[in-house]
Amino acid sequence: MGDKKQNSSAFEKFASKVSKAAGSTPAFIGAFIIVLAWGISGPIFDYSETWQLVINTGTTIITFLMVFLIQKAQNKDSLAIQLKLNELVASNESSSNSLVDIESMTEEEMIIIQKYYHRLSELAKKEQSIRTSHSIAEAHELHERKHKNLKPKSKKTTTNTTKNIPKNTTKK
């Protein structure tokens, strides 16, 4: 088990270093010089099929390998960001803890949460102060309150609920 962890760690380090190096200015300049040299050498090799095959094969192999290396490094970076965000969400008492595991939700569930955030932005636009804060739970409670108030009440229901209210209860 220790060897597997060490090998994985070595591959992660390698992938991270290679992806950082590949995204650097010297790497781009190096690749540009290789392509330029290949293009200039075209007349020397009479633009043969072998000459074309060299650049095609080289770029295909490099691209194929880089996809996996960059994806590995990006997965690790993405996980680190998710963990940092989870820590921030979990440590803030006024934030919604339902967001801590959001990456395991379906796209449909995420769209529902996106709608709640849209409601939050609507609430925030109504405020006169930019320092006022709203939560998903508050938007949901507001929606539920409005939804309950819009339901038509029959006379029977109103009468029954009035009779069942204890005398010591006061309305707010």
C-alpha atoms as a PDB file:
ATOM      1  CA  MET A   1       0.000   0.000   0.000  1.00  0.00           C
ATOM      2  CA  GLY A   2       2.872   2.368   0.831  1.00  0.00           C
ATOM      3  CA  ASP A   3       4.446   1.747  -2.616  1.00  0.00           C
ATOM      4  CA  LYS A   4       1.162   2.540  -4.352  1.00  0.00           C
ATOM      5  CA  LYS A   5       0.834   5.811  -2.420  1.00  0.00           C
ATOM      6  CA  GLN A   6       4.461   6.710  -3.179  1.00  0.00           C
ATOM      7  CA  ASN A   7       4.035   5.921  -6.900  1.00  0.00           C
ATOM      8  CA  SER A   8       0.807   7.913  -7.034  1.00  0.00           C
ATOM      9  CA  SER A   9       2.481  10.802  -5.279  1.00  0.00           C
ATOM     10  CA  ALA A  10       5.432  10.664  -7.689  1.00  0.00           C
ATOM     11  CA  PHE A  11       3.063  10.676 -10.667  1.00  0.00           C
ATOM     12  CA  GLU A  12       1.086  13.576  -9.165  1.00  0.00           C
ATOM     13  CA  LYS A  13       4.281  15.571  -8.675  1.00  0.00           C
ATOM     14  CA  PHE A  14       5.429  14.734 -12.207  1.00  0.00           C
ATOM     15  CA  ALA A  15       2.053  15.658 -13.701  1.00  0.00           C
ATOM     16  CA  SER A  16       1.954  18.910 -11.772  1.00  0.00           C
ATOM     17  CA  LYS A  17       5.491  19.912 -12.828  1.00  0.00           C
ATOM     18  CA  VAL A  18       4.952  18.982 -16.469  1.00  0.00           C
ATOM     19  CA  SER A  19       1.606  20.800 -16.720  1.00  0.00           C
ATOM     20  CA  LYS A  20       3.119  23.924 -15.139  1.00  0.00           C
ATOM     21  CA  ALA A  21       6.119  23.729 -17.456  1.00  0.00           C
ATOM     22  CA  ALA A  22       3.929  23.146 -20.522  1.00  0.00           C
ATOM     23  CA  GLY A  23       1.954  26.292 -19.723  1.00  0.00           C
ATOM     24  CA  SER A  24       5.059  28.438 -19.442  1.00  0.00           C
ATOM     25  CA  THR A  25       6.411  30.988 -21.893  1.00  0.00           C
ATOM     26  CA  PRO A  26       9.652  29.039 -22.493  1.00  0.00           C
ATOM     27  CA  ALA A  27       7.631  25.936 -23.407  1.00  0.00           C
ATOM     28  CA  PHE A  28       5.607  27.901 -25.946  1.00  0.00           C
ATOM     29  CA  ILE A  29       8.733  29.483 -27.412  1.00  0.00           C
ATOM     30  CA  GLY A  30      10.377  26.047 -27.616  1.00  0.00           C
ATOM     31  CA  ALA A  31       7.354  24.544 -29.386  1.00  0.00           C
ATOM     32  CA  PHE A  32       7.197  27.526 -31.747  1.00  0.00           C
ATOM     33  CA  ILE A  33      10.898  27.128 -32.610  1.00  0.00           C
ATOM     34  CA  ILE A  34      10.399  23.404 -33.312  1.00  0.00           C
ATOM     35  CA  VAL A  35       7.477  24.130 -35.652  1.00  0.00           C
ATOM     36  CA  LEU A  36       9.427  26.957 -37.300  1.00  0.00           C
ATOM     37  CA  ALA A  37      12.464  24.677 -37.809  1.00  0.00           C
ATOM     38  CA  TRP A  38      10.202  21.981 -39.213  1.00  0.00           C
ATOM     39  CA  GLY A  39       8.614  24.466 -41.626  1.00  0.00           C
ATOM     40  CA  ILE A  40      11.986  25.836 -42.745  1.00  0.00           C
ATOM     41  CA  SER A  41      13.312  22.309 -43.303  1.00  0.00           C
ATOM     42  CA  GLY A  42      10.443  21.556 -45.705  1.00  0.00           C
ATOM     43  CA  PRO A  43      12.330  22.511 -48.890  1.00  0.00           C
ATOM     44  CA  ILE A  44      15.386  20.571 -47.715  1.00  0.00           C
ATOM     45  CA  PHE A  45      13.301  17.368 -47.450  1.00  0.00           C
ATOM     46  CA  ASP A  46      11.285  18.277 -50.549  1.00  0.00           C
ATOM     47  CA  TYR A  47       8.085  18.410 -48.447  1.00  0.00           C
ATOM     48  CA  SER A  48       8.043  14.616 -48.436  1.00  0.00           C
ATOM     49  CA  GLU A  49       5.503  12.424 -46.701  1.00  0.00           C
ATOM     50  CA  THR A  50       8.141  11.458 -44.138  1.00  0.00           C
ATOM     51  CA  TRP A  51       8.753  15.156 -43.411  1.00  0.00           C
ATOM     52  CA  GLN A  52       5.010  15.641 -42.802  1.00  0.00           C
ATOM     53  CA  LEU A  53       4.788  12.415 -40.809  1.00  0.00           C
ATOM     54  CA  VAL A  54       7.481  13.618 -38.383  1.00  0.00           C
ATOM     55  CA  ILE A  55       5.495  16.654 -37.227  1.00  0.00           C
ATOM     56  CA  ASN A  56       2.144  14.824 -37.282  1.00  0.00           C
ATOM     57  CA  THR A  57       3.421  11.895 -35.230  1.00  0.00           C
ATOM     58  CA  GLY A  58       5.360  14.080 -32.814  1.00  0.00           C
ATOM     59  CA  THR A  59       2.492  16.443 -32.104  1.00  0.00           C
ATOM     60  CA  THR A  60      -0.035  13.608 -31.811  1.00  0.00           C
ATOM     61  CA  ILE A  61       2.057  11.727 -29.261  1.00  0.00           C
ATOM     62  CA  ILE A  62       2.813  14.839 -27.223  1.00  0.00           C
ATOM     63  CA  THR A  63      -0.845  15.946 -27.287  1.00  0.00           C
ATOM     64  CA  PHE A  64      -2.078  12.490 -26.322  1.00  0.00           C
ATOM     65  CA  LEU A  65       0.243  12.284 -23.299  1.00  0.00           C
ATOM     66  CA  MET A  66      -0.287  15.899 -22.249  1.00  0.00           C
ATOM     67  CA  VAL A  67      -4.062  15.446 -22.086  1.00  0.00           C
ATOM     68  CA  PHE A  68      -3.660  12.894 -19.308  1.00  0.00           C
ATOM     69  CA  LEU A  69      -0.947  14.765 -17.449  1.00  0.00           C
ATOM     70  CA  ILE A  70      -2.812  18.056 -17.506  1.00  0.00           C
ATOM     71  CA  GLN A  71      -6.084  16.383 -16.519  1.00  0.00           C
ATOM     72  CA  LYS A  72      -4.384  14.691 -13.550  1.00  0.00           C
ATOM     73  CA  ALA A  73      -2.910  17.979 -12.358  1.00  0.00           C
ATOM     74  CA  GLN A  74      -6.196  19.790 -12.943  1.00  0.00           C
ATOM     75  CA  ASN A  75      -8.155  17.153 -10.990  1.00  0.00           C
ATOM     76  CA  LYS A  76      -5.823  17.599  -8.028  1.00  0.00           C
ATOM     77  CA  ASP A  77      -6.068  21.406  -8.195  1.00  0.00           C
ATOM     78  CA  SER A  78      -9.840  21.225  -8.520  1.00  0.00           C
ATOM     79  CA  LEU A  79     -10.095  18.920  -5.497  1.00  0.00           C
ATOM     80  CA  ALA A  80      -7.904  21.265  -3.451  1.00  0.00           C
ATOM     81  CA  ILE A  81     -10.125  24.222  -4.372  1.00  0.00           C
ATOM     82  CA  GLN A  82     -13.270  22.241  -3.528  1.00  0.00           C
ATOM     83  CA  LEU A  83     -11.851  21.301  -0.125  1.00  0.00           C
ATOM     84  CA  LYS A  84     -10.922  24.913   0.617  1.00  0.00           C
ATOM     85  CA  LEU A  85     -14.387  26.082  -0.387  1.00  0.00           C
ATOM     86  CA  ASN A  86     -15.981  23.314   1.692  1.00  0.00           C
ATOM     87  CA  GLU A  87     -13.974  24.495   4.698  1.00  0.00           C
ATOM     88  CA  LEU A  88     -15.179  28.062   4.176  1.00  0.00           C
ATOM     89  CA  VAL A  89     -18.804  26.984   3.795  1.00  0.00           C
ATOM     90  CA  ALA A  90     -18.663  24.644   6.786  1.00  0.00           C
ATOM     91  CA  SER A  91     -16.936  27.193   9.023  1.00  0.00           C
ATOM     92  CA  ASN A  92     -19.402  30.011   8.315  1.00  0.00           C
ATOM     93  CA  GLU A  93     -22.416  29.581  10.563  1.00  0.00           C
ATOM     94  CA  SER A  94     -24.707  31.581   8.293  1.00  0.00           C
ATOM     95  CA  SER A  95     -23.894  29.657   5.115  1.00  0.00           C
ATOM     96  CA  SER A  96     -25.852  26.678   3.835  1.00  0.00           C
ATOM     97  CA  ASN A  97     -24.085  23.407   4.636  1.00  0.00           C
ATOM     98  CA  SER A  98     -25.966  21.749   1.783  1.00  0.00           C
ATOM     99  CA  LEU A  99     -23.306  23.213  -0.512  1.00  0.00           C
ATOM    100  CA  VAL A 100     -20.434  21.329   1.105  1.00  0.00           C
ATOM    101  CA  ASP A 101     -21.022  18.235  -1.057  1.00  0.00           C
ATOM    102  CA  ILE A 102     -22.439  20.010  -4.113  1.00  0.00           C
ATOM    103  CA  GLU A 103     -20.065  18.296  -6.566  1.00  0.00           C
ATOM    104  CA  SER A 104     -21.856  14.989  -5.939  1.00  0.00           C
ATOM    105  CA  MET A 105     -25.258  16.475  -6.841  1.00  0.00           C
ATOM    106  CA  THR A 106     -26.905  15.968 -10.197  1.00  0.00           C
ATOM    107  CA  GLU A 107     -27.037  18.812 -12.687  1.00  0.00           C
ATOM    108  CA  GLU A 108     -30.782  19.148 -12.054  1.00  0.00           C
ATOM    109  CA  GLU A 109     -30.153  19.590  -8.313  1.00  0.00           C
ATOM    110  CA  MET A 110     -27.517  22.211  -9.069  1.00  0.00           C
ATOM    111  CA  ILE A 111     -29.974  24.086 -11.283  1.00  0.00           C
ATOM    112  CA  ILE A 112     -32.424  24.203  -8.360  1.00  0.00           C
ATOM    113  CA  ILE A 113     -29.715  25.698  -6.151  1.00  0.00           C
ATOM    114  CA  GLN A 114     -28.857  28.138  -8.931  1.00  0.00           C
ATOM    115  CA  LYS A 115     -32.492  29.284  -8.871  1.00  0.00           C
ATOM    116  CA  TYR A 116     -32.208  29.895  -5.120  1.00  0.00           C
ATOM    117  CA  TYR A 117     -29.131  32.034  -5.729  1.00  0.00           C
ATOM    118  CA  HIS A 118     -31.067  33.925  -8.349  1.00  0.00           C
ATOM    119  CA  ARG A 119     -33.675  34.586  -5.649  1.00  0.00           C
ATOM    120  CA  LEU A 120     -30.912  35.779  -3.347  1.00  0.00           C
ATOM    121  CA  SER A 121     -29.739  38.234  -5.974  1.00  0.00           C
ATOM    122  CA  GLU A 122     -33.309  39.498  -6.298  1.00  0.00           C
ATOM    123  CA  LEU A 123     -33.493  39.960  -2.509  1.00  0.00           C
ATOM    124  CA  ALA A 124     -30.155  41.749  -2.510  1.00  0.00           C
ATOM    125  CA  LYS A 125     -31.263  44.125  -5.292  1.00  0.00           C
ATOM    126  CA  LYS A 126     -34.243  45.193  -3.154  1.00  0.00           C
ATOM    127  CA  GLU A 127     -31.992  46.140  -0.220  1.00  0.00           C
ATOM    128  CA  GLN A 128     -30.769  49.683   0.171  1.00  0.00           C
ATOM    129  CA  SER A 129     -27.560  48.600   1.878  1.00  0.00           C
ATOM    130  CA  ILE A 130     -24.929  46.406   0.240  1.00  0.00           C
ATOM    131  CA  ARG A 131     -24.059  45.029   3.688  1.00  0.00           C
ATOM    132  CA  THR A 132     -27.346  43.134   4.084  1.00  0.00           C
ATOM    133  CA  SER A 133     -26.907  39.379   3.714  1.00  0.00           C
ATOM    134  CA  HIS A 134     -29.376  36.689   2.706  1.00  0.00           C
ATOM    135  CA  SER A 135     -29.147  32.906   2.723  1.00  0.00           C
ATOM    136  CA  ILE A 136     -30.603  30.110   0.607  1.00  0.00           C
ATOM    137  CA  ALA A 137     -32.702  29.063   3.592  1.00  0.00           C
ATOM    138  CA  GLU A 138     -34.119  32.592   3.860  1.00  0.00           C
ATOM    139  CA  ALA A 139     -35.023  32.629   0.167  1.00  0.00           C
ATOM    140  CA  HIS A 140     -36.667  29.229   0.550  1.00  0.00           C
ATOM    141  CA  GLU A 141     -38.602  30.307   3.682  1.00  0.00           C
ATOM    142  CA  LEU A 142     -39.783  33.446   1.907  1.00  0.00           C
ATOM    143  CA  HIS A 143     -40.918  31.345  -1.051  1.00  0.00           C
ATOM    144  CA  GLU A 144     -42.753  28.904   1.246  1.00  0.00           C
ATOM    145  CA  ARG A 145     -44.458  31.747   3.147  1.00  0.00           C
ATOM    146  CA  LYS A 146     -45.610  33.331  -0.084  1.00  0.00           C
ATOM    147  CA  HIS A 147     -46.766  29.970  -1.414  1.00  0.00           C
ATOM    148  CA  LYS A 148     -48.829  29.286   1.744  1.00  0.00           C
ATOM    149  CA  ASN A 149     -50.363  32.764   1.688  1.00  0.00           C
ATOM    150  CA  LEU A 150     -51.462  32.361  -1.938  1.00  0.00           C
ATOM    151  CA  LYS A 151     -53.371  29.101  -1.361  1.00  0.00           C
ATOM    152  CA  PRO A 152     -57.131  29.677  -1.421  1.00  0.00           C
ATOM    153  CA  LYS A 153     -58.739  29.036   1.956  1.00  0.00           C
ATOM    154  CA  SER A 154     -62.225  27.622   2.196  1.00  0.00           C
ATOM    155  CA  LYS A 155     -64.647  28.807   4.874  1.00  0.00           C
ATOM    156  CA  LYS A 156     -64.604  25.369   6.482  1.00  0.00           C
ATOM    157  CA  THR A 157     -60.814  25.306   6.787  1.00  0.00           C
ATOM    158  CA  THR A 158     -60.727  28.830   8.207  1.00  0.00           C
ATOM    159  CA  THR A 159     -63.419  28.021  10.754  1.00  0.00           C
ATOM    160  CA  ASN A 160     -61.738  24.791  11.855  1.00  0.00           C
ATOM    161  CA  THR A 161     -58.310  26.346  12.239  1.00  0.00           C
ATOM    162  CA  THR A 162     -59.738  29.237  14.231  1.00  0.00           C
ATOM    163  CA  LYS A 163     -61.484  26.866  16.623  1.00  0.00           C
ATOM    164  CA  ASN A 164     -58.306  24.821  17.160  1.00  0.00           C
ATOM    165  CA  ILE A 165     -56.099  27.779  18.170  1.00  0.00           C
ATOM    166  CA  PRO A 166     -55.361  27.617  21.897  1.00  0.00           C
ATOM    167  CA  LYS A 167     -56.559  30.661  23.868  1.00  0.00           C
ATOM    168  CA  ASN A 168     -53.118  31.458  25.300  1.00  0.00           C
ATOM    169  CA  THR A 169     -51.526  31.794  21.836  1.00  0.00           C
ATOM    170  CA  THR A 170     -51.011  35.288  20.520  1.00  0.00           C
ATOM    171  CA  LYS A 171     -50.635  36.278  16.917  1.00  0.00           C
ATOM    172  CA  LYS A 172     -47.516  38.089  15.785  1.00  0.00           C
END
